[in-house]
Amino acid sequence: MKYLRNIDFKNKRVLIRADFNVPVENGIIGDDSRIRATLPTIEFILKQPKSKIVIISHLGRPDGKVNPEFSLKPVAEKLKELLGRKIIFIDDIASEKGGKIARNLTDGEAAIAENIRFHAEEEKNNEEFAMNICRHFGVFVNDAFSVSHRAHATTAQIPRFKPSCAGFLMEKEIKELSRALKPAQRPSLAVIGGAKIETKLPVIENLAKIYDVVLVGGKISVEAKEKNMKFSQNVILPEDFSDGNFDIGSKTIGKYVMAISAASFIVWNGPMGKFEDAEFRKGTDAIYEAIVNADAWKIAGGGESVEYINSQKGADKFNFVSSGGGAMLEFLSGKKLPGIEALE
């Protein structure tokens, strides 16, 4: 796989696939961390002589139809603010007009295209659609790890037709999550929570082969006990739960905290209960505190885990916080991600 430093961007028109799927309400972005995470890639390319860029991204699930609710215009405004430069907005990168705007960018100019999922061809992984978009560009950069588990046109198809590489964010995700699949420090411990057993089961089973201990919490642990699921001996399920099974119980909290405090390498994905309700966040609070206070290499990820960590302003207490939810889970379950495979 090639990375940014392996490519000469001089005098190149560059297409960047980012993940700017950020919360937007009434035109206001609630959390711009995903935009900030891609800035190093954007700035690196724009520093190259006579380079110019167009960024493509999705926002929400517009189901292949134009829907103003999911417009990337607020993202364009935020990007303008963060970069301190003019950002051209392209209404439709797949149209002849959009292609002409891309071709006419002058040296050092940057543009962002409207939500790529306004086109049904994106999620259908349409080859012709991908070719139509990338034909205006000399290089493709994928910096959207968090959607690289999707076999979509802009992640899986475009690298087949253009010189391609991973951006800084993608490179870091691959490096850190590869480290998580081969933890150098022992004892190693994984904490897996959340609500969807079907998505977490492959991760639990794969990490059980790699880690010394896997602690399971959240709704998935309730379901696992109710269904009497069988796991390896090193997979630990809760001893008790709170009322209504919305959180792990006090005995389990004590046991899990002790195990975490002894670990030298920790991966965390998923809360221990219904943490958005103050009554049922004791388990997640305790696990978080134990992890950040542990003398260990710490990696976290998953939408709800990141939401919780950000609410505690605790991102800097981890060695790495993954931008991927489903992508992180599939990577840790040992699966090949279509977006990464395409770059390889």
Protein backbone atom coordinates (compact mmCIF):
# COMPACT_ATOMS: atom_id res chain seq x y z
CA MET A 1 0.00 0.00 0.00
CA LYS A 2 1.19 3.52 -0.76
CA TYR A 3 0.94 6.42 1.66
CA LEU A 4 1.00 10.20 1.19
CA ARG A 5 4.78 10.44 1.35
CA ASN A 6 5.11 7.84 -1.44
CA ILE A 7 3.23 10.03 -3.96
CA ASP A 8 4.34 13.13 -5.84
CA PHE A 9 1.42 15.59 -5.72
CA LYS A 10 3.24 18.34 -7.59
CA ASN A 11 1.05 19.80 -10.36
CA LYS A 12 -1.65 17.18 -9.61
CA ARG A 13 -5.42 17.44 -9.30
CA VAL A 14 -6.18 15.26 -6.27
CA LEU A 15 -9.44 13.56 -5.24
CA ILE A 16 -9.72 12.94 -1.48
CA ARG A 17 -12.31 10.60 0.04
CA ALA A 18 -12.97 11.83 3.58
CA ASP A 19 -15.57 10.94 6.18
CA PHE A 20 -17.28 14.18 7.13
CA ASN A 21 -20.36 12.38 8.44
CA VAL A 22 -20.76 14.80 11.35
CA PRO A 23 -23.82 15.72 13.45
CA VAL A 24 -25.58 18.73 11.89
CA GLU A 25 -28.63 20.46 13.38
CA ASN A 26 -30.11 23.61 11.87
CA GLY A 27 -26.96 24.07 9.84
CA ILE A 28 -24.73 23.90 12.94
CA ILE A 29 -22.10 21.16 13.30
CA GLY A 30 -22.23 19.62 16.78
CA ASP A 31 -18.86 17.85 16.67
CA ASP A 32 -16.20 18.72 14.07
CA SER A 33 -13.59 16.16 15.21
CA ARG A 34 -13.93 14.10 12.02
CA ILE A 35 -13.23 17.17 9.91
CA ARG A 36 -10.23 18.13 12.04
CA ALA A 37 -8.85 14.59 11.77
CA THR A 38 -8.45 14.94 7.99
CA LEU A 39 -6.85 18.41 8.05
CA PRO A 40 -3.24 17.08 8.14
CA THR A 41 -3.85 15.18 4.89
CA ILE A 42 -5.50 18.17 3.19
CA GLU A 43 -2.80 20.59 4.29
CA PHE A 44 0.04 18.24 3.28
CA ILE A 45 -1.29 17.95 -0.27
CA LEU A 46 -2.02 21.65 -0.67
CA LYS A 47 1.56 22.47 0.35
CA GLN A 48 2.83 20.63 -2.72
CA PRO A 49 3.59 23.00 -5.66
CA LYS A 50 0.67 23.57 -8.02
CA SER A 51 -1.56 20.93 -6.40
CA LYS A 52 -5.33 21.32 -6.13
CA ILE A 53 -7.92 19.16 -4.38
CA VAL A 54 -11.56 18.09 -4.39
CA ILE A 55 -12.94 16.36 -1.31
CA ILE A 56 -15.84 13.92 -1.49
CA SER A 57 -17.76 12.59 1.50
CA HIS A 58 -21.15 11.33 2.58
CA LEU A 59 -23.44 12.62 5.32
CA GLY A 60 -26.18 10.50 6.83
CA ARG A 61 -28.38 8.16 4.84
CA PRO A 62 -30.20 10.07 2.08
CA ASP A 63 -30.92 6.76 0.26
CA GLY A 64 -29.51 7.85 -3.09
CA LYS A 65 -31.71 10.96 -3.36
CA VAL A 66 -31.01 14.68 -3.08
CA ASN A 67 -32.10 15.79 0.38
CA PRO A 68 -31.16 19.26 1.72
CA GLU A 69 -31.22 17.85 5.27
CA PHE A 70 -28.05 15.94 4.43
CA SER A 71 -26.23 18.67 2.51
CA LEU A 72 -22.48 19.12 3.06
CA LYS A 73 -22.75 22.92 2.79
CA PRO A 74 -22.32 23.40 6.59
CA VAL A 75 -19.21 21.20 6.34
CA ALA A 76 -17.84 23.42 3.57
CA GLU A 77 -18.29 26.46 5.83
CA LYS A 78 -16.56 24.70 8.73
CA LEU A 79 -13.72 23.59 6.47
CA LYS A 80 -13.28 27.16 5.28
CA GLU A 81 -13.04 28.28 8.91
CA LEU A 82 -10.59 25.54 9.94
CA LEU A 83 -8.29 25.86 6.92
CA GLY A 84 -8.50 29.65 6.75
CA ARG A 85 -8.94 29.56 2.99
CA LYS A 86 -11.63 29.70 0.32
CA ILE A 87 -13.51 26.44 -0.27
CA ILE A 88 -15.37 26.02 -3.55
CA PHE A 89 -18.62 24.05 -3.29
CA ILE A 90 -19.48 21.65 -6.13
CA ASP A 91 -23.20 20.86 -6.27
CA ASP A 92 -22.75 17.60 -8.17
CA ILE A 93 -19.30 16.15 -8.82
CA ALA A 94 -20.77 13.51 -11.15
CA SER A 95 -22.30 16.11 -13.51
CA GLU A 96 -20.57 17.72 -16.49
CA LYS A 97 -20.71 21.07 -14.69
CA GLY A 98 -19.14 19.55 -11.56
CA GLY A 99 -16.38 17.95 -13.61
CA LYS A 100 -15.67 21.25 -15.34
CA ILE A 101 -15.31 23.04 -11.97
CA ALA A 102 -12.86 20.34 -10.85
CA ARG A 103 -10.82 20.63 -14.06
CA ASN A 104 -10.71 24.42 -13.82
CA LEU A 105 -9.34 24.60 -10.26
CA THR A 106 -6.25 26.77 -10.12
CA ASP A 107 -3.04 25.90 -8.27
CA GLY A 108 -3.58 25.63 -4.51
CA GLU A 109 -7.40 25.73 -4.71
CA ALA A 110 -9.63 23.42 -2.69
CA ALA A 111 -13.21 22.29 -3.26
CA ILE A 112 -15.70 20.01 -1.58
CA ALA A 113 -18.45 18.18 -3.45
CA GLU A 114 -22.03 17.70 -2.32
CA ASN A 115 -22.98 14.50 -0.46
CA ILE A 116 -21.82 11.59 -2.59
CA ARG A 117 -24.72 9.47 -1.28
CA PHE A 118 -27.15 11.69 -3.14
CA HIS A 119 -26.23 9.28 -5.94
CA ALA A 120 -27.62 5.75 -5.52
CA GLU A 121 -24.65 4.47 -7.56
CA GLU A 122 -22.31 5.16 -4.61
CA GLU A 123 -23.76 2.51 -2.29
CA LYS A 124 -24.35 0.18 -5.24
CA ASN A 125 -20.57 0.18 -5.81
CA ASN A 126 -21.15 1.18 -9.44
CA GLU A 127 -17.98 0.96 -11.55
CA GLU A 128 -19.08 3.43 -14.23
CA PHE A 129 -20.02 6.00 -11.56
CA ALA A 130 -16.56 5.69 -9.99
CA MET A 131 -14.85 6.07 -13.37
CA ASN A 132 -16.95 9.14 -14.18
CA ILE A 133 -15.91 10.87 -10.95
CA CYS A 134 -12.21 10.02 -10.93
CA ARG A 135 -11.51 10.76 -14.62
CA HIS A 136 -10.81 14.42 -13.77
CA PHE A 137 -8.05 13.58 -11.29
CA GLY A 138 -4.46 12.40 -11.33
CA VAL A 139 -4.36 10.87 -7.85
CA PHE A 140 -6.89 9.44 -5.37
CA VAL A 141 -6.39 9.59 -1.60
CA ASN A 142 -8.57 7.59 0.78
CA ASP A 143 -8.56 9.12 4.26
CA ALA A 144 -11.93 7.67 5.28
CA PHE A 145 -11.09 4.59 7.32
CA SER A 146 -14.51 4.69 8.99
CA VAL A 147 -16.30 3.84 5.73
CA SER A 148 -13.66 1.50 4.33
CA HIS A 149 -15.60 -1.56 5.48
CA ARG A 150 -18.21 -0.59 2.86
CA ALA A 151 -17.76 -1.81 -0.71
CA HIS A 152 -18.91 1.51 -2.18
CA ALA A 153 -17.91 3.15 -5.45
CA THR A 154 -15.67 5.83 -3.94
CA THR A 155 -13.84 3.44 -1.59
CA ALA A 156 -13.66 0.14 -3.49
CA GLN A 157 -13.80 1.11 -7.16
CA ILE A 158 -11.81 4.33 -7.69
CA PRO A 159 -8.42 2.83 -6.64
CA ARG A 160 -8.78 0.38 -9.56
CA PHE A 161 -8.53 3.24 -12.05
CA LYS A 162 -6.20 5.83 -10.51
CA PRO A 163 -2.85 5.94 -8.67
CA SER A 164 -4.03 5.78 -5.05
CA CYS A 165 -2.76 6.00 -1.51
CA ALA A 166 -3.90 6.19 2.10
CA GLY A 167 -4.09 9.55 3.85
CA PHE A 168 -2.52 10.25 7.24
CA LEU A 169 -5.67 9.31 9.17
CA MET A 170 -6.10 6.04 7.27
CA GLU A 171 -2.40 5.24 7.75
CA LYS A 172 -2.65 5.81 11.50
CA GLU A 173 -5.81 3.70 11.81
CA ILE A 174 -4.18 0.78 10.01
CA LYS A 175 -1.00 1.06 12.07
CA GLU A 176 -2.72 1.30 15.48
CA LEU A 177 -5.39 -1.33 14.85
CA SER A 178 -2.77 -3.70 13.43
CA ARG A 179 -0.93 -3.16 16.72
CA ALA A 180 -4.18 -4.08 18.50
CA LEU A 181 -4.22 -7.40 16.65
CA LYS A 182 -0.71 -8.16 17.91
CA PRO A 183 -0.48 -6.63 21.40
CA ALA A 184 3.18 -6.43 22.38
CA GLN A 185 2.52 -5.79 26.07
CA ARG A 186 1.11 -8.40 28.44
CA PRO A 187 -1.25 -9.01 30.05
CA SER A 188 -3.53 -7.82 27.23
CA LEU A 189 -7.20 -7.11 27.83
CA ALA A 190 -10.17 -6.22 25.64
CA VAL A 191 -13.39 -4.64 26.88
CA ILE A 192 -16.33 -5.18 24.52
CA GLY A 193 -19.77 -3.71 25.19
CA GLY A 194 -22.65 -2.21 23.27
CA ALA A 195 -25.99 -3.42 22.02
CA LYS A 196 -25.62 -5.45 18.81
CA ILE A 197 -24.50 -9.00 19.51
CA GLU A 198 -24.36 -9.87 15.80
CA THR A 199 -21.68 -7.22 15.17
CA LYS A 200 -19.72 -7.81 18.39
CA LEU A 201 -19.66 -11.63 18.38
CA PRO A 202 -16.97 -11.97 15.65
CA VAL A 203 -14.80 -9.44 17.53
CA ILE A 204 -15.16 -11.25 20.85
CA GLU A 205 -14.31 -14.59 19.25
CA ASN A 206 -11.28 -13.24 17.36
CA LEU A 207 -9.86 -11.21 20.27
CA ALA A 208 -10.30 -14.20 22.59
CA LYS A 209 -7.63 -15.95 20.49
CA ILE A 210 -5.27 -12.97 20.80
CA TYR A 211 -5.88 -11.39 24.22
CA ASP A 212 -5.35 -12.78 27.70
CA VAL A 213 -8.77 -11.57 28.86
CA VAL A 214 -11.92 -10.31 27.12
CA LEU A 215 -14.44 -8.55 29.37
CA VAL A 216 -17.99 -8.33 27.99
CA GLY A 217 -20.66 -5.85 29.09
CA GLY A 218 -23.63 -3.92 27.79
CA LYS A 219 -26.76 -5.36 26.20
CA ILE A 220 -24.67 -7.94 24.33
CA SER A 221 -23.67 -9.54 27.65
CA VAL A 222 -27.32 -9.76 28.75
CA GLU A 223 -28.22 -11.46 25.48
CA ALA A 224 -25.22 -13.79 25.66
CA LYS A 225 -26.28 -14.99 29.13
CA GLU A 226 -29.95 -15.30 28.20
CA LYS A 227 -29.02 -17.42 25.16
CA ASN A 228 -26.46 -19.38 27.20
CA MET A 229 -23.78 -18.67 24.60
CA LYS A 230 -20.49 -20.52 25.02
CA PHE A 231 -17.15 -18.72 24.82
CA SER A 232 -13.49 -19.43 25.50
CA GLN A 233 -12.49 -19.53 29.16
CA ASN A 234 -10.80 -16.14 28.90
CA VAL A 235 -14.08 -14.43 27.88
CA ILE A 236 -15.69 -13.06 31.06
CA LEU A 237 -19.40 -12.27 31.30
CA PRO A 238 -20.97 -10.18 34.10
CA GLU A 239 -21.88 -11.81 37.43
CA ASP A 240 -24.66 -9.34 38.07
CA PHE A 241 -26.62 -6.49 36.49
CA SER A 242 -28.47 -3.38 37.62
CA ASP A 243 -32.26 -3.27 37.78
CA GLY A 244 -33.71 -3.96 34.35
CA ASN A 245 -30.33 -5.24 33.08
CA PHE A 246 -29.45 -1.76 31.80
CA ASP A 247 -25.95 -1.77 33.33
CA ILE A 248 -23.42 -4.18 34.81
CA GLY A 249 -23.78 -4.70 38.56
CA SER A 250 -21.50 -3.71 41.46
CA LYS A 251 -19.83 -7.15 41.79
CA THR A 252 -18.99 -7.14 38.09
CA ILE A 253 -17.72 -3.57 38.25
CA GLY A 254 -15.31 -4.49 41.04
CA LYS A 255 -14.08 -7.58 39.19
CA TYR A 256 -13.64 -5.75 35.86
CA VAL A 257 -11.84 -2.76 37.44
CA MET A 258 -9.37 -5.11 39.12
CA ALA A 259 -8.65 -6.91 35.84
CA ILE A 260 -8.19 -3.63 33.97
CA SER A 261 -5.79 -2.24 36.57
CA ALA A 262 -3.47 -5.23 35.97
CA ALA A 263 -3.45 -4.94 32.16
CA SER A 264 -0.60 -3.53 30.08
CA PHE A 265 -2.47 -3.34 26.75
CA ILE A 266 -6.18 -2.43 26.56
CA VAL A 267 -8.69 -2.19 23.72
CA TRP A 268 -12.15 -0.80 24.50
CA ASN A 269 -15.18 -0.83 22.21
CA GLY A 270 -18.70 -0.29 23.53
CA PRO A 271 -20.28 1.00 26.77
CA MET A 272 -21.21 -1.24 29.70
CA GLY A 273 -24.82 -0.16 29.75
CA LYS A 274 -27.36 2.51 28.87
CA PHE A 275 -24.83 5.24 29.68
CA GLU A 276 -26.95 8.09 28.27
CA ASP A 277 -29.20 7.56 31.31
CA ALA A 278 -27.41 8.73 34.49
CA GLU A 279 -28.98 5.89 36.46
CA PHE A 280 -27.29 3.30 34.26
CA ARG A 281 -23.85 4.74 33.58
CA LYS A 282 -22.02 3.56 36.72
CA GLY A 283 -20.49 0.63 34.88
CA THR A 284 -19.25 2.72 31.95
CA ASP A 285 -17.97 5.43 34.32
CA ALA A 286 -16.02 2.87 36.36
CA ILE A 287 -14.58 1.08 33.33
CA TYR A 288 -13.52 4.39 31.76
CA GLU A 289 -11.81 5.56 34.97
CA ALA A 290 -10.05 2.21 35.37
CA ILE A 291 -8.79 2.30 31.76
CA VAL A 292 -7.48 5.89 31.82
CA ASN A 293 -5.72 5.23 35.15
CA ALA A 294 -4.15 1.94 34.04
CA ASP A 295 -0.45 1.87 33.21
CA ALA A 296 -1.16 0.45 29.75
CA TRP A 297 -1.25 1.15 26.03
CA LYS A 298 -4.87 2.20 25.47
CA ILE A 299 -6.92 2.04 22.26
CA ALA A 300 -10.63 2.88 22.07
CA GLY A 301 -13.22 3.12 19.33
CA GLY A 302 -16.84 2.66 18.35
CA GLY A 303 -19.46 5.38 18.01
CA GLU A 304 -20.86 5.22 21.54
CA SER A 305 -17.46 4.79 23.20
CA VAL A 306 -16.09 7.83 21.36
CA GLU A 307 -19.23 9.79 22.25
CA TYR A 308 -18.69 8.92 25.91
CA ILE A 309 -14.95 9.69 25.83
CA ASN A 310 -15.61 13.07 24.19
CA SER A 311 -18.24 13.85 26.83
CA GLN A 312 -15.47 13.34 29.42
CA LYS A 313 -12.96 15.30 27.30
CA GLY A 314 -10.79 12.22 27.64
CA ALA A 315 -9.45 11.54 24.13
CA ASP A 316 -5.94 12.64 25.09
CA LYS A 317 -5.90 10.00 27.87
CA PHE A 318 -5.81 7.25 25.23
CA ASN A 319 -2.87 6.37 23.00
CA PHE A 320 -5.30 6.12 20.10
CA VAL A 321 -9.02 6.69 19.54
CA SER A 322 -10.28 5.13 16.32
CA SER A 323 -12.55 7.11 14.00
CA GLY A 324 -14.21 3.88 12.86
CA GLY A 325 -17.21 2.16 14.39
CA GLY A 326 -18.16 -0.71 12.11
CA ALA A 327 -14.79 -0.47 10.34
CA MET A 328 -12.90 -0.93 13.61
CA LEU A 329 -15.05 -3.92 14.53
CA GLU A 330 -14.50 -5.62 11.19
CA PHE A 331 -10.75 -4.93 11.33
CA LEU A 332 -10.50 -6.39 14.85
CA SER A 333 -12.54 -9.43 13.79
CA GLY A 334 -9.79 -10.17 11.30
CA LYS A 335 -11.78 -9.33 8.17
CA LYS A 336 -10.37 -7.60 5.09
CA LEU A 337 -11.91 -4.16 4.55
CA PRO A 338 -12.86 -3.44 0.90
CA GLY A 339 -11.48 0.12 1.05
CA ILE A 340 -8.12 -1.09 2.34
CA GLU A 341 -8.01 -4.06 -0.03
CA ALA A 342 -8.58 -1.67 -2.94
CA LEU A 343 -5.57 0.44 -1.90
CA GLU A 344 -3.44 -2.67 -1.61
